[in-house]
Amino acid sequence: MEFVVYILWSQEHDQIYIGFTENLIQRYHWHNHGPKGYTLRYRPWKVVHVQFFESKSEALKREKLLKGGQGRIWIRENLNKEAGFISA
């Protein structure tokens, strides 16, 4: 089983969301079509970055790092430069 850490971006609201899942397609669908949750108000979402891990503990560690201050700086700098998705 693989575990995925993902980053979503709402272009309309210039918001990012960092999450972890075992089923990215199902989770992505929930973010964009589910009836409740934090991500509801910032729809639509685009997946702008994914990382795969063999263990749940590795994935949770990476998710926690990305949710911190340095991780968010890395996201803004790297995803803006590499993909042009996120404004600086």
N, C-alpha and C. Protein backbone atom coordinates (compact mmCIF):
# COMPACT_ATOMS: atom_id res chain seq x y z
N MET A 1 0.84 -1.18 0.00
CA MET A 1 0.00 0.00 0.00
C MET A 1 0.89 1.25 0.00
N GLU A 2 0.50 2.22 -0.79
CA GLU A 2 1.23 3.48 -0.82
C GLU A 2 0.43 4.56 -0.12
N PHE A 3 1.14 5.51 0.42
CA PHE A 3 0.54 6.65 1.10
C PHE A 3 0.96 7.90 0.34
N VAL A 4 0.06 8.84 0.24
CA VAL A 4 0.29 10.03 -0.57
C VAL A 4 0.14 11.29 0.27
N VAL A 5 1.12 12.18 0.16
CA VAL A 5 1.00 13.53 0.69
C VAL A 5 0.75 14.41 -0.53
N TYR A 6 -0.27 15.24 -0.44
CA TYR A 6 -0.65 16.03 -1.60
C TYR A 6 -0.85 17.49 -1.22
N ILE A 7 -0.70 18.33 -2.24
CA ILE A 7 -0.95 19.76 -2.05
C ILE A 7 -2.00 20.17 -3.06
N LEU A 8 -3.04 20.79 -2.57
CA LEU A 8 -4.09 21.34 -3.42
C LEU A 8 -3.94 22.85 -3.47
N TRP A 9 -4.39 23.44 -4.55
CA TRP A 9 -4.36 24.90 -4.68
C TRP A 9 -5.68 25.38 -5.24
N SER A 10 -6.24 26.40 -4.62
CA SER A 10 -7.43 27.06 -5.12
C SER A 10 -6.98 28.35 -5.78
N GLN A 11 -7.01 28.38 -7.10
CA GLN A 11 -6.57 29.56 -7.84
C GLN A 11 -7.46 30.76 -7.52
N GLU A 12 -8.75 30.51 -7.44
CA GLU A 12 -9.71 31.60 -7.19
C GLU A 12 -9.46 32.30 -5.87
N HIS A 13 -9.03 31.58 -4.86
CA HIS A 13 -8.83 32.14 -3.52
C HIS A 13 -7.36 32.20 -3.13
N ASP A 14 -6.47 31.72 -3.98
CA ASP A 14 -5.04 31.62 -3.70
C ASP A 14 -4.77 30.99 -2.34
N GLN A 15 -5.41 29.85 -2.12
CA GLN A 15 -5.25 29.09 -0.89
C GLN A 15 -4.61 27.74 -1.21
N ILE A 16 -3.84 27.24 -0.27
CA ILE A 16 -3.29 25.90 -0.41
C ILE A 16 -3.84 25.01 0.69
N TYR A 17 -3.87 23.72 0.41
CA TYR A 17 -4.29 22.74 1.39
C TYR A 17 -3.32 21.57 1.28
N ILE A 18 -2.85 21.11 2.41
CA ILE A 18 -1.90 20.00 2.47
C ILE A 18 -2.58 18.84 3.17
N GLY A 19 -2.53 17.67 2.55
CA GLY A 19 -3.19 16.52 3.13
C GLY A 19 -2.42 15.23 2.91
N PHE A 20 -2.98 14.18 3.48
CA PHE A 20 -2.40 12.85 3.43
C PHE A 20 -3.53 11.86 3.20
N THR A 21 -3.31 10.85 2.37
CA THR A 21 -4.35 9.87 2.10
C THR A 21 -3.75 8.57 1.57
N GLU A 22 -4.58 7.55 1.52
CA GLU A 22 -4.22 6.29 0.88
C GLU A 22 -4.87 6.21 -0.50
N ASN A 23 -5.86 7.08 -0.78
CA ASN A 23 -6.58 7.05 -2.05
C ASN A 23 -6.75 8.49 -2.55
N LEU A 24 -5.80 8.95 -3.35
CA LEU A 24 -5.80 10.35 -3.79
C LEU A 24 -7.02 10.69 -4.64
N ILE A 25 -7.43 9.82 -5.51
CA ILE A 25 -8.58 10.13 -6.38
C ILE A 25 -9.85 10.33 -5.56
N GLN A 26 -10.09 9.43 -4.65
CA GLN A 26 -11.28 9.54 -3.79
C GLN A 26 -11.21 10.80 -2.92
N ARG A 27 -10.06 11.08 -2.36
CA ARG A 27 -9.89 12.25 -1.49
C ARG A 27 -10.04 13.54 -2.28
N TYR A 28 -9.47 13.60 -3.48
CA TYR A 28 -9.59 14.78 -4.34
C TYR A 28 -11.07 15.03 -4.67
N HIS A 29 -11.78 13.97 -4.99
CA HIS A 29 -13.21 14.11 -5.28
C HIS A 29 -13.95 14.68 -4.07
N TRP A 30 -13.61 14.22 -2.88
CA TRP A 30 -14.26 14.72 -1.66
C TRP A 30 -13.99 16.21 -1.47
N HIS A 31 -12.76 16.64 -1.70
CA HIS A 31 -12.43 18.05 -1.53
C HIS A 31 -13.26 18.93 -2.47
N ASN A 32 -13.51 18.46 -3.67
CA ASN A 32 -14.23 19.26 -4.66
C ASN A 32 -15.75 19.03 -4.69
N HIS A 33 -16.23 17.93 -4.10
CA HIS A 33 -17.66 17.63 -4.19
C HIS A 33 -18.30 17.20 -2.88
N GLY A 34 -17.52 17.02 -1.84
CA GLY A 34 -18.07 16.57 -0.56
C GLY A 34 -18.96 17.64 0.06
N PRO A 35 -19.90 17.22 0.93
CA PRO A 35 -20.88 18.15 1.48
C PRO A 35 -20.39 19.04 2.62
N LYS A 36 -19.22 18.75 3.18
CA LYS A 36 -18.77 19.57 4.31
C LYS A 36 -17.26 19.53 4.42
N GLY A 37 -16.73 20.39 5.28
CA GLY A 37 -15.30 20.41 5.55
C GLY A 37 -14.67 21.76 5.23
N TYR A 38 -13.44 21.93 5.69
CA TYR A 38 -12.69 23.18 5.51
C TYR A 38 -12.56 23.56 4.05
N THR A 39 -12.32 22.59 3.19
CA THR A 39 -12.03 22.88 1.79
C THR A 39 -13.26 23.30 1.00
N LEU A 40 -14.44 23.14 1.55
CA LEU A 40 -15.69 23.48 0.87
C LEU A 40 -15.69 24.92 0.35
N ARG A 41 -15.28 25.87 1.15
CA ARG A 41 -15.38 27.29 0.80
C ARG A 41 -14.35 27.78 -0.23
N TYR A 42 -13.34 26.96 -0.50
CA TYR A 42 -12.28 27.41 -1.42
C TYR A 42 -12.29 26.67 -2.76
N ARG A 43 -13.34 25.99 -3.07
CA ARG A 43 -13.45 25.25 -4.33
C ARG A 43 -13.42 26.18 -5.52
N PRO A 44 -12.97 25.72 -6.66
CA PRO A 44 -12.45 24.39 -6.98
C PRO A 44 -10.97 24.27 -6.62
N TRP A 45 -10.53 23.04 -6.38
CA TRP A 45 -9.16 22.72 -6.04
C TRP A 45 -8.47 22.03 -7.20
N LYS A 46 -7.16 22.27 -7.32
CA LYS A 46 -6.31 21.56 -8.27
C LYS A 46 -5.21 20.87 -7.48
N VAL A 47 -4.87 19.66 -7.88
CA VAL A 47 -3.72 18.97 -7.28
C VAL A 47 -2.48 19.54 -7.95
N VAL A 48 -1.57 20.12 -7.16
CA VAL A 48 -0.36 20.73 -7.73
C VAL A 48 0.92 20.00 -7.33
N HIS A 49 0.82 19.07 -6.39
CA HIS A 49 2.03 18.36 -5.97
C HIS A 49 1.62 17.08 -5.23
N VAL A 50 2.31 15.98 -5.53
CA VAL A 50 2.10 14.73 -4.79
C VAL A 50 3.44 14.08 -4.49
N GLN A 51 3.50 13.40 -3.37
CA GLN A 51 4.67 12.62 -2.98
C GLN A 51 4.17 11.29 -2.44
N PHE A 52 4.81 10.21 -2.86
CA PHE A 52 4.41 8.87 -2.46
C PHE A 52 5.37 8.31 -1.43
N PHE A 53 4.80 7.58 -0.46
CA PHE A 53 5.58 6.99 0.62
C PHE A 53 5.14 5.56 0.84
N GLU A 54 6.07 4.73 1.27
CA GLU A 54 5.77 3.33 1.53
C GLU A 54 5.16 3.12 2.90
N SER A 55 5.44 4.02 3.84
CA SER A 55 4.89 3.86 5.19
C SER A 55 4.05 5.07 5.58
N LYS A 56 3.07 4.79 6.41
CA LYS A 56 2.18 5.84 6.90
C LYS A 56 2.97 6.84 7.75
N SER A 57 3.91 6.35 8.54
CA SER A 57 4.67 7.25 9.41
C SER A 57 5.52 8.23 8.61
N GLU A 58 6.10 7.77 7.49
CA GLU A 58 6.88 8.68 6.62
C GLU A 58 5.98 9.75 6.02
N ALA A 59 4.81 9.34 5.57
CA ALA A 59 3.88 10.29 4.96
C ALA A 59 3.40 11.32 5.97
N LEU A 60 3.07 10.88 7.15
CA LEU A 60 2.60 11.82 8.19
C LEU A 60 3.71 12.79 8.60
N LYS A 61 4.94 12.31 8.64
CA LYS A 61 6.07 13.17 8.96
C LYS A 61 6.23 14.27 7.90
N ARG A 62 6.12 13.89 6.61
CA ARG A 62 6.26 14.87 5.52
C ARG A 62 5.09 15.85 5.53
N GLU A 63 3.88 15.36 5.78
CA GLU A 63 2.71 16.24 5.85
C GLU A 63 2.90 17.29 6.96
N LYS A 64 3.34 16.85 8.11
CA LYS A 64 3.56 17.76 9.23
C LYS A 64 4.62 18.80 8.89
N LEU A 65 5.69 18.38 8.22
CA LEU A 65 6.75 19.31 7.83
C LEU A 65 6.21 20.37 6.86
N LEU A 66 5.43 19.93 5.87
CA LEU A 66 4.89 20.87 4.88
C LEU A 66 3.89 21.84 5.49
N LYS A 67 3.19 21.42 6.53
CA LYS A 67 2.21 22.29 7.17
C LYS A 67 2.85 23.35 8.06
N GLY A 68 4.13 23.18 8.38
CA GLY A 68 4.84 24.15 9.20
C GLY A 68 5.28 25.36 8.39
N GLY A 69 5.82 26.34 9.05
CA GLY A 69 6.25 27.57 8.39
C GLY A 69 7.25 27.38 7.29
N GLN A 70 8.29 26.60 7.53
CA GLN A 70 9.31 26.36 6.51
C GLN A 70 8.74 25.57 5.34
N GLY A 71 7.85 24.65 5.62
CA GLY A 71 7.23 23.87 4.56
C GLY A 71 6.37 24.73 3.66
N ARG A 72 5.64 25.66 4.24
CA ARG A 72 4.80 26.56 3.43
C ARG A 72 5.65 27.51 2.59
N ILE A 73 6.77 27.92 3.13
CA ILE A 73 7.70 28.74 2.33
C ILE A 73 8.22 27.91 1.16
N TRP A 74 8.61 26.66 1.41
CA TRP A 74 9.09 25.78 0.35
C TRP A 74 8.02 25.62 -0.73
N ILE A 75 6.78 25.43 -0.31
CA ILE A 75 5.68 25.26 -1.26
C ILE A 75 5.54 26.50 -2.14
N ARG A 76 5.47 27.66 -1.54
CA ARG A 76 5.28 28.90 -2.31
C ARG A 76 6.45 29.13 -3.28
N GLU A 77 7.67 28.92 -2.81
CA GLU A 77 8.84 29.17 -3.66
C GLU A 77 8.97 28.13 -4.77
N ASN A 78 8.86 26.86 -4.45
CA ASN A 78 9.10 25.81 -5.43
C ASN A 78 7.95 25.59 -6.39
N LEU A 79 6.74 25.60 -5.92
CA LEU A 79 5.63 25.36 -6.83
C LEU A 79 5.40 26.56 -7.73
N ASN A 80 5.69 27.74 -7.26
CA ASN A 80 5.57 28.92 -8.12
C ASN A 80 6.62 28.87 -9.22
N LYS A 81 7.86 28.53 -8.86
CA LYS A 81 8.95 28.47 -9.84
C LYS A 81 8.77 27.32 -10.81
N GLU A 82 8.47 26.13 -10.28
CA GLU A 82 8.40 24.94 -11.11
C GLU A 82 7.15 24.87 -11.98
N ALA A 83 6.01 25.19 -11.40
CA ALA A 83 4.76 24.97 -12.11
C ALA A 83 4.02 26.26 -12.44
N GLY A 84 4.35 27.34 -11.75
CA GLY A 84 3.67 28.59 -11.99
C GLY A 84 2.23 28.60 -11.48
N PHE A 85 1.90 27.67 -10.60
CA PHE A 85 0.53 27.59 -10.11
C PHE A 85 0.24 28.58 -8.99
N ILE A 86 1.18 28.71 -8.07
CA ILE A 86 0.91 29.46 -6.85
C ILE A 86 1.59 30.80 -6.91
N SER A 87 0.85 31.85 -6.60
CA SER A 87 1.46 33.19 -6.63
C SER A 87 2.39 33.34 -5.45
N ALA A 88 3.41 34.18 -5.62
CA ALA A 88 4.41 34.37 -4.57
C ALA A 88 3.93 35.35 -3.53
